[in-house]
Amino acid sequence: MALITIPQQTRSGEWQMTSASLAARYDTCQVTLNILPTDYVNPAKTLTLEVRTSADNGQTWQHAFGFTWVGGPRTGKDGTPNPAPMTGFSLAAYEGRRVGVFVGIPSPLTLGATVLLQ
């Protein structure tokens, strides 16, 4: 198991959070973004987290999957939670490829991340 912590700082544009060839050493990866509380509850704040793969050691990237997160209250009026942006995935599908985590941040946002490899 490996735990990587990336400290919070203000970021914008595209952030290539991490990339590595990990499939042979680990089975799963979980990425959790840690957003400053005042940014977290602001519905004007958004981000897109995307996992990409590369067969040529990061020279070119192909989209694997991703999602968009929108800030807002941690619990909506109907009781539905607004969870922290996170994703988990199996690395077996990416054997022999480099895996990269990219975050698109349209307006400045203070965030960091935790990456758990098992």
C-alpha atoms as a PDB file:
ATOM      1  CA  MET A   1       0.000   0.000   0.000  1.00  0.00           C
ATOM      2  CA  ALA A   2       1.165   3.530  -0.766  1.00  0.00           C
ATOM      3  CA  LEU A   3      -0.414   6.817   0.253  1.00  0.00           C
ATOM      4  CA  ILE A   4       0.533   9.988  -1.609  1.00  0.00           C
ATOM      5  CA  THR A   5      -0.627  13.337  -0.224  1.00  0.00           C
ATOM      6  CA  ILE A   6      -0.504  16.451  -2.386  1.00  0.00           C
ATOM      7  CA  PRO A   7      -0.927  19.624  -0.280  1.00  0.00           C
ATOM      8  CA  GLN A   8      -3.624  22.197  -0.959  1.00  0.00           C
ATOM      9  CA  GLN A   9      -2.734  25.210  -3.051  1.00  0.00           C
ATOM     10  CA  THR A  10      -4.624  27.516  -5.400  1.00  0.00           C
ATOM     11  CA  ARG A  11      -4.693  26.067  -8.904  1.00  0.00           C
ATOM     12  CA  SER A  12      -6.405  26.821 -12.227  1.00  0.00           C
ATOM     13  CA  GLY A  13      -6.231  25.575 -15.799  1.00  0.00           C
ATOM     14  CA  GLU A  14      -5.195  21.958 -16.345  1.00  0.00           C
ATOM     15  CA  TRP A  15      -3.365  20.258 -13.481  1.00  0.00           C
ATOM     16  CA  GLN A  16      -1.604  16.987 -14.263  1.00  0.00           C
ATOM     17  CA  MET A  17      -1.789  15.685 -10.733  1.00  0.00           C
ATOM     18  CA  THR A  18       0.223  12.508 -11.198  1.00  0.00           C
ATOM     19  CA  SER A  19       1.159   9.887 -13.733  1.00  0.00           C
ATOM     20  CA  ALA A  20       2.953   6.586 -13.405  1.00  0.00           C
ATOM     21  CA  SER A  21       3.127   3.020 -14.671  1.00  0.00           C
ATOM     22  CA  LEU A  22       1.699   1.246 -11.633  1.00  0.00           C
ATOM     23  CA  ALA A  23      -0.345  -1.728 -12.822  1.00  0.00           C
ATOM     24  CA  ALA A  24       2.341  -4.341 -12.138  1.00  0.00           C
ATOM     25  CA  ARG A  25       2.933  -3.157  -8.566  1.00  0.00           C
ATOM     26  CA  TYR A  26      -0.577  -2.232  -7.367  1.00  0.00           C
ATOM     27  CA  ASP A  27      -4.109  -3.494  -8.035  1.00  0.00           C
ATOM     28  CA  THR A  28      -6.246  -0.417  -7.354  1.00  0.00           C
ATOM     29  CA  CYS A  29      -5.981   3.354  -7.220  1.00  0.00           C
ATOM     30  CA  GLN A  30      -8.242   5.748  -5.301  1.00  0.00           C
ATOM     31  CA  VAL A  31      -7.981   9.500  -5.866  1.00  0.00           C
ATOM     32  CA  THR A  32      -9.706  11.964  -3.513  1.00  0.00           C
ATOM     33  CA  LEU A  33      -9.538  15.722  -4.080  1.00  0.00           C
ATOM     34  CA  ASN A  34      -9.369  17.812  -0.899  1.00  0.00           C
ATOM     35  CA  ILE A  35     -10.968  21.196  -1.524  1.00  0.00           C
ATOM     36  CA  LEU A  36     -10.767  24.266   0.717  1.00  0.00           C
ATOM     37  CA  PRO A  37     -14.128  24.420   2.591  1.00  0.00           C
ATOM     38  CA  THR A  38     -15.067  27.900   1.297  1.00  0.00           C
ATOM     39  CA  ASP A  39     -14.476  26.705  -2.293  1.00  0.00           C
ATOM     40  CA  TYR A  40     -16.273  23.394  -1.644  1.00  0.00           C
ATOM     41  CA  VAL A  41     -19.596  25.064  -0.802  1.00  0.00           C
ATOM     42  CA  ASN A  42     -19.427  27.632  -3.639  1.00  0.00           C
ATOM     43  CA  PRO A  43     -21.721  26.532  -6.512  1.00  0.00           C
ATOM     44  CA  ALA A  44     -19.690  28.690  -8.921  1.00  0.00           C
ATOM     45  CA  LYS A  45     -16.685  26.379  -8.429  1.00  0.00           C
ATOM     46  CA  THR A  46     -16.355  23.366 -10.725  1.00  0.00           C
ATOM     47  CA  LEU A  47     -13.705  20.932 -11.823  1.00  0.00           C
ATOM     48  CA  THR A  48     -13.325  18.007 -14.174  1.00  0.00           C
ATOM     49  CA  LEU A  49     -11.293  14.997 -13.077  1.00  0.00           C
ATOM     50  CA  GLU A  50     -10.096  12.799 -15.926  1.00  0.00           C
ATOM     51  CA  VAL A  51      -8.056   9.609 -15.972  1.00  0.00           C
ATOM     52  CA  ARG A  52      -6.016   9.192 -19.144  1.00  0.00           C
ATOM     53  CA  THR A  53      -3.708   6.455 -20.361  1.00  0.00           C
ATOM     54  CA  SER A  54      -0.609   6.543 -22.515  1.00  0.00           C
ATOM     55  CA  ALA A  55       1.094   3.756 -24.467  1.00  0.00           C
ATOM     56  CA  ASP A  56       4.146   5.936 -25.210  1.00  0.00           C
ATOM     57  CA  ASN A  57       5.232   6.944 -21.688  1.00  0.00           C
ATOM     58  CA  GLY A  58       3.200  10.156 -21.575  1.00  0.00           C
ATOM     59  CA  GLN A  59       3.952  11.609 -25.000  1.00  0.00           C
ATOM     60  CA  THR A  60       0.280  11.295 -25.997  1.00  0.00           C
ATOM     61  CA  TRP A  61      -2.748  10.668 -23.775  1.00  0.00           C
ATOM     62  CA  GLN A  62      -6.099   8.977 -24.396  1.00  0.00           C
ATOM     63  CA  HIS A  63      -9.218   9.577 -22.287  1.00  0.00           C
ATOM     64  CA  ALA A  64     -10.172   6.559 -20.120  1.00  0.00           C
ATOM     65  CA  PHE A  65     -12.925   8.061 -17.928  1.00  0.00           C
ATOM     66  CA  GLY A  66     -13.773  11.108 -15.843  1.00  0.00           C
ATOM     67  CA  PHE A  67     -16.447  13.274 -14.269  1.00  0.00           C
ATOM     68  CA  THR A  68     -17.392  16.876 -13.497  1.00  0.00           C
ATOM     69  CA  TRP A  69     -17.884  18.100  -9.921  1.00  0.00           C
ATOM     70  CA  VAL A  70     -19.825  21.241  -8.936  1.00  0.00           C
ATOM     71  CA  GLY A  71     -19.421  22.945  -5.564  1.00  0.00           C
ATOM     72  CA  GLY A  72     -22.327  23.429  -3.218  1.00  0.00           C
ATOM     73  CA  PRO A  73     -23.542  22.603   0.278  1.00  0.00           C
ATOM     74  CA  ARG A  74     -22.255  19.292   1.577  1.00  0.00           C
ATOM     75  CA  THR A  75     -25.882  18.202   1.880  1.00  0.00           C
ATOM     76  CA  GLY A  76     -28.624  19.374  -0.492  1.00  0.00           C
ATOM     77  CA  LYS A  77     -32.089  20.511   0.560  1.00  0.00           C
ATOM     78  CA  ASP A  78     -33.405  17.015  -0.133  1.00  0.00           C
ATOM     79  CA  GLY A  79     -30.711  15.435   2.047  1.00  0.00           C
ATOM     80  CA  THR A  80     -28.660  14.230  -0.921  1.00  0.00           C
ATOM     81  CA  PRO A  81     -24.939  14.506  -0.152  1.00  0.00           C
ATOM     82  CA  ASN A  82     -22.526  16.456  -2.340  1.00  0.00           C
ATOM     83  CA  PRO A  83     -19.595  14.095  -1.872  1.00  0.00           C
ATOM     84  CA  ALA A  84     -15.965  15.059  -2.189  1.00  0.00           C
ATOM     85  CA  PRO A  85     -14.732  14.510  -5.734  1.00  0.00           C
ATOM     86  CA  MET A  86     -13.149  11.073  -5.781  1.00  0.00           C
ATOM     87  CA  THR A  87     -12.730   8.034  -7.979  1.00  0.00           C
ATOM     88  CA  GLY A  88     -11.351   4.548  -7.597  1.00  0.00           C
ATOM     89  CA  PHE A  89     -10.367   2.128 -10.323  1.00  0.00           C
ATOM     90  CA  SER A  90      -8.578  -1.122 -11.042  1.00  0.00           C
ATOM     91  CA  LEU A  91      -5.128  -0.781 -12.567  1.00  0.00           C
ATOM     92  CA  ALA A  92      -5.272  -4.222 -14.208  1.00  0.00           C
ATOM     93  CA  ALA A  93      -7.082  -2.773 -17.236  1.00  0.00           C
ATOM     94  CA  TYR A  94      -4.117  -0.474 -17.874  1.00  0.00           C
ATOM     95  CA  GLU A  95      -1.299  -3.041 -17.674  1.00  0.00           C
ATOM     96  CA  GLY A  96       1.701  -1.833 -19.656  1.00  0.00           C
ATOM     97  CA  ARG A  97       0.343   1.709 -20.009  1.00  0.00           C
ATOM     98  CA  ARG A  98       1.071   4.889 -18.118  1.00  0.00           C
ATOM     99  CA  VAL A  99      -1.923   6.185 -16.122  1.00  0.00           C
ATOM    100  CA  GLY A 100      -2.368   9.918 -15.548  1.00  0.00           C
ATOM    101  CA  VAL A 101      -4.806  11.905 -13.446  1.00  0.00           C
ATOM    102  CA  PHE A 102      -5.687  15.317 -14.860  1.00  0.00           C
ATOM    103  CA  VAL A 103      -7.879  17.978 -13.262  1.00  0.00           C
ATOM    104  CA  GLY A 104      -9.438  20.790 -15.306  1.00  0.00           C
ATOM    105  CA  ILE A 105     -10.086  23.861 -13.161  1.00  0.00           C
ATOM    106  CA  PRO A 106     -11.894  26.685 -14.997  1.00  0.00           C
ATOM    107  CA  SER A 107     -11.571  29.269 -12.194  1.00  0.00           C
ATOM    108  CA  PRO A 108      -9.060  29.375  -9.322  1.00  0.00           C
ATOM    109  CA  LEU A 109      -9.736  26.696  -6.729  1.00  0.00           C
ATOM    110  CA  THR A 110      -7.737  25.748  -3.634  1.00  0.00           C
ATOM    111  CA  LEU A 111      -7.307  22.004  -3.553  1.00  0.00           C
ATOM    112  CA  GLY A 112      -4.944  19.159  -2.891  1.00  0.00           C
ATOM    113  CA  ALA A 113      -5.307  15.412  -3.235  1.00  0.00           C
ATOM    114  CA  THR A 114      -4.805  12.034  -1.658  1.00  0.00           C
ATOM    115  CA  VAL A 115      -3.867   9.053  -3.827  1.00  0.00           C
ATOM    116  CA  LEU A 116      -4.162   5.587  -2.283  1.00  0.00           C
ATOM    117  CA  LEU A 117      -2.551   2.667  -4.112  1.00  0.00           C
ATOM    118  CA  GLN A 118      -3.225  -0.888  -2.992  1.00  0.00           C
END
